[in-house]
Protein backbone atom coordinates (compact mmCIF):
# COMPACT_ATOMS: atom_id res chain seq x y z
CA MET A 1 18.25 -45.95 13.12
CA VAL A 2 15.86 -46.50 10.24
CA VAL A 3 14.52 -43.43 8.50
CA GLU A 4 11.46 -43.81 6.34
CA GLN A 5 11.74 -41.94 3.08
CA ALA A 6 9.04 -39.37 2.42
CA ARG A 7 6.97 -40.02 -0.66
CA ARG A 8 5.77 -37.26 -2.95
CA GLN A 9 2.07 -37.64 -3.56
CA PHE A 10 0.56 -36.21 -6.71
CA THR A 11 -2.84 -34.69 -7.33
CA VAL A 12 -4.94 -35.60 -10.36
CA ASP A 13 -4.17 -32.19 -11.86
CA GLU A 14 -0.40 -32.73 -11.49
CA TYR A 15 -0.73 -36.22 -12.93
CA GLU A 16 -2.61 -34.92 -15.96
CA ARG A 17 0.00 -32.16 -16.46
CA MET A 18 2.72 -34.86 -16.49
CA GLY A 19 0.86 -36.51 -19.36
CA ALA A 20 0.42 -33.22 -21.22
CA ALA A 21 4.14 -32.44 -20.80
CA GLY A 22 5.17 -35.85 -22.13
CA ILE A 23 6.61 -37.08 -18.83
CA LEU A 24 4.02 -39.84 -18.97
CA ALA A 25 3.41 -41.13 -22.47
CA GLU A 26 -0.09 -41.89 -23.68
CA ASP A 27 0.74 -45.59 -23.96
CA ASP A 28 2.27 -45.84 -20.46
CA ARG A 29 0.19 -48.33 -18.49
CA VAL A 30 -0.09 -46.35 -15.26
CA GLU A 31 -2.82 -44.96 -13.05
CA LEU A 32 -2.90 -42.59 -10.08
CA LEU A 33 -4.02 -44.27 -6.86
CA ASP A 34 -4.01 -42.37 -3.56
CA GLY A 35 -1.40 -39.94 -4.93
CA GLU A 36 1.01 -42.59 -6.21
CA ILE A 37 1.64 -43.44 -9.84
CA VAL A 38 1.19 -47.20 -10.10
CA GLU A 39 2.07 -49.45 -13.04
CA MET A 40 -0.80 -51.57 -14.23
CA THR A 41 -0.38 -55.25 -14.88
CA PRO A 42 -0.12 -56.36 -18.52
CA ILE A 43 -3.33 -57.41 -20.23
CA GLY A 44 -3.32 -61.07 -21.24
CA PRO A 45 -5.66 -62.66 -23.79
CA ARG A 46 -8.13 -64.04 -21.21
CA HIS A 47 -8.34 -60.65 -19.51
CA ALA A 48 -8.89 -58.87 -22.84
CA SER A 49 -11.51 -61.42 -23.86
CA CYS A 50 -13.43 -60.93 -20.62
CA VAL A 51 -13.35 -57.13 -21.00
CA ASP A 52 -14.53 -57.38 -24.62
CA ARG A 53 -17.29 -59.82 -23.69
CA LEU A 54 -18.54 -57.69 -20.80
CA ASN A 55 -18.33 -54.51 -22.89
CA ARG A 56 -20.54 -56.08 -25.56
CA LEU A 57 -23.07 -57.35 -23.02
CA LEU A 58 -23.31 -53.97 -21.28
CA VAL A 59 -23.49 -51.88 -24.46
CA ILE A 60 -26.24 -54.09 -25.93
CA GLY A 61 -28.09 -54.40 -22.61
CA LEU A 62 -27.96 -50.73 -21.65
CA GLY A 63 -28.24 -49.02 -25.03
CA ASP A 64 -28.55 -45.26 -24.61
CA ARG A 65 -29.26 -45.46 -20.87
CA ALA A 66 -25.55 -45.28 -20.00
CA ILE A 67 -22.08 -44.82 -21.41
CA VAL A 68 -19.82 -47.85 -21.12
CA ARG A 69 -16.16 -46.84 -20.92
CA VAL A 70 -13.35 -49.35 -21.43
CA GLN A 71 -10.01 -48.85 -19.65
CA ASN A 72 -10.46 -45.09 -19.48
CA PRO A 73 -9.75 -42.83 -16.50
CA ALA A 74 -12.21 -41.84 -13.80
CA ARG A 75 -11.53 -38.95 -11.45
CA VAL A 76 -12.62 -40.50 -8.17
CA ALA A 77 -10.72 -38.30 -5.68
CA PHE A 78 -8.28 -35.39 -5.43
CA ARG A 79 -5.36 -37.82 -5.63
CA SER A 80 -6.89 -40.78 -7.49
CA GLN A 81 -7.58 -41.34 -11.17
CA PRO A 82 -7.78 -45.09 -11.76
CA GLN A 83 -8.44 -46.69 -15.13
CA PRO A 84 -10.92 -49.46 -14.40
CA ASP A 85 -11.40 -52.17 -16.98
CA LEU A 86 -15.01 -51.07 -17.46
CA LEU A 87 -17.03 -48.23 -16.08
CA VAL A 88 -20.73 -47.56 -16.57
CA ALA A 89 -21.50 -43.85 -16.38
CA ARG A 90 -24.58 -41.69 -16.60
CA PRO A 91 -25.23 -40.58 -20.18
CA ARG A 92 -23.86 -37.17 -21.11
CA ASN A 93 -24.15 -35.45 -24.48
CA ASP A 94 -20.40 -34.76 -24.64
CA PHE A 95 -19.50 -38.39 -23.76
CA TYR A 96 -17.18 -36.98 -21.06
CA ALA A 97 -15.09 -34.98 -23.53
CA LEU A 98 -14.77 -32.10 -21.06
CA SER A 99 -13.93 -34.12 -17.96
CA HIS A 100 -13.57 -37.69 -16.80
CA PRO A 101 -16.47 -39.21 -14.86
CA THR A 102 -16.57 -38.50 -11.13
CA PRO A 103 -18.25 -40.61 -8.42
CA ASP A 104 -21.57 -38.83 -9.02
CA ASP A 105 -21.46 -39.99 -12.66
CA ILE A 106 -20.40 -43.59 -12.00
CA LEU A 107 -23.05 -46.29 -11.77
CA LEU A 108 -20.80 -49.38 -11.88
CA VAL A 109 -17.09 -50.14 -11.97
CA VAL A 110 -15.75 -53.50 -13.16
CA GLU A 111 -12.20 -54.71 -12.60
CA VAL A 112 -11.08 -57.92 -14.32
CA ALA A 113 -8.55 -59.85 -12.27
CA GLU A 114 -6.51 -62.49 -14.01
CA THR A 115 -3.42 -61.88 -11.85
CA SER A 116 -4.36 -58.72 -9.91
CA GLY A 117 -7.03 -60.11 -7.58
CA ALA A 118 -5.29 -59.19 -4.32
CA PHE A 119 -4.51 -55.68 -5.59
CA ASP A 120 -8.08 -55.14 -6.76
CA ARG A 121 -9.42 -56.40 -3.43
CA ASP A 122 -6.94 -54.74 -1.05
CA VAL A 123 -6.15 -51.46 -2.84
CA LYS A 124 -8.74 -50.61 -5.45
CA ALA A 125 -11.93 -51.75 -3.69
CA PRO A 126 -11.27 -49.55 -0.62
CA LEU A 127 -10.36 -46.64 -2.92
CA TYR A 128 -13.67 -46.98 -4.78
CA ALA A 129 -15.58 -47.36 -1.49
CA ARG A 130 -13.95 -44.21 -0.03
CA ALA A 131 -14.99 -42.36 -3.20
CA GLY A 132 -18.59 -43.51 -2.74
CA ILE A 133 -18.73 -45.63 -5.91
CA ARG A 134 -21.95 -47.50 -5.27
CA GLU A 135 -21.13 -50.76 -7.03
CA LEU A 136 -17.95 -52.62 -7.97
CA TRP A 137 -17.60 -56.00 -9.63
CA VAL A 138 -14.26 -57.81 -9.52
CA VAL A 139 -14.31 -60.54 -12.16
CA ASP A 140 -11.91 -63.27 -11.07
CA GLY A 141 -11.07 -65.11 -14.28
CA PRO A 142 -9.13 -68.03 -12.81
CA SER A 143 -11.93 -68.99 -10.40
CA ALA A 144 -14.74 -68.01 -12.83
CA GLU A 145 -16.38 -65.93 -10.09
CA VAL A 146 -17.45 -62.32 -9.66
CA VAL A 147 -17.02 -60.63 -6.31
CA LEU A 148 -19.85 -58.14 -6.01
CA HIS A 149 -19.29 -55.04 -3.81
CA ARG A 150 -22.19 -52.74 -2.89
CA GLY A 151 -23.09 -50.16 -0.29
CA PRO A 152 -19.96 -48.11 0.41
CA VAL A 153 -19.76 -47.13 4.08
CA SER A 154 -16.75 -45.60 5.86
CA GLY A 155 -14.20 -46.64 3.23
CA ARG A 156 -15.42 -50.19 2.74
CA TYR A 157 -18.27 -52.02 1.09
CA ALA A 158 -20.99 -53.22 3.45
CA ASP A 159 -22.25 -55.90 1.07
CA VAL A 160 -19.58 -58.15 -0.46
CA ARG A 161 -20.51 -61.51 -1.94
CA THR A 162 -19.22 -63.94 -4.49
CA VAL A 163 -21.29 -65.14 -7.43
CA GLY A 164 -20.06 -68.31 -9.14
CA ARG A 165 -20.14 -69.44 -12.77
CA GLY A 166 -23.76 -70.67 -12.50
CA GLY A 167 -25.00 -67.40 -11.00
CA GLN A 168 -26.41 -64.19 -12.38
CA LEU A 169 -25.68 -60.51 -11.81
CA THR A 170 -27.92 -57.47 -12.04
CA PRO A 171 -26.43 -53.99 -11.70
CA GLU A 172 -28.18 -52.00 -8.97
CA ALA A 173 -28.79 -49.08 -11.33
CA PHE A 174 -30.37 -51.30 -13.98
CA GLY A 175 -32.64 -53.87 -12.36
CA ASP A 176 -33.88 -55.14 -15.72
CA LEU A 177 -30.41 -56.21 -16.94
CA VAL A 178 -29.49 -59.76 -15.97
CA LEU A 179 -26.05 -61.11 -16.91
CA SER A 180 -24.81 -64.62 -16.30
CA VAL A 181 -21.36 -65.05 -14.81
CA ALA A 182 -20.68 -67.77 -17.40
CA ASP A 183 -21.27 -65.22 -20.17
CA LEU A 184 -18.82 -62.81 -18.50
CA VAL A 185 -15.97 -65.25 -17.91
CA GLY A 186 -16.41 -67.37 -21.02
CA GLU A 187 -15.83 -71.08 -21.33
CA GLY A 188 -13.97 -72.80 -18.54
C-alpha cells in the first residue's frame, strides 16, 4: 500500500514571517508558488544580460508611466509570491514600499528562460493566468524567441504565440512602445 505524504502549504503571510524570523535568508533564491517554497534556478551570464537589457529598454521606454521591478516579489495569490525576472507595475508614489504589487497593479510580467523554459511554461504561466495577470512574456534565450501570453481565462492564457528574433513586441498596456526581440535576446 502506497501512502502519499501530506504536504504543508504556506500562505504568503507565513512565508514572509519565515523571512522576518531568519528561517529564510534574504539571499536565499526561493519563491512561494501555490503554497510551496521552490528553489529558483541559478542566474547565468546570458540570463542576467537579457534581464539587464530588457530592464534598460523598459525603463527608458516607459519613463514615469510605470515602475519596472527586477527580480522582486509580487503577491499574486493567497499562497503565491513569485519573483519574476521583470515586472511592470502601475506607478505608485511609495514605489511599493508598503506592499508588493498585486494582480491589479501588474501590467506585464517577464520571465527569462535560459534553462527554466518548461517550468515557466507549465508552472508559472498557469499561476499568472489564474491570478489574472493580463500579459506574460517568456523570453527563451536559447531559441532567441519570446512566447507572448495574453488574455487570461479560466487559469490559462487564451492568446499564446511565439515571436522570433526578427519580430517585435508591444506591451498591451503601452501601445506606443515597440521592442525588437533581437534587442531583448542580444546577439546570437
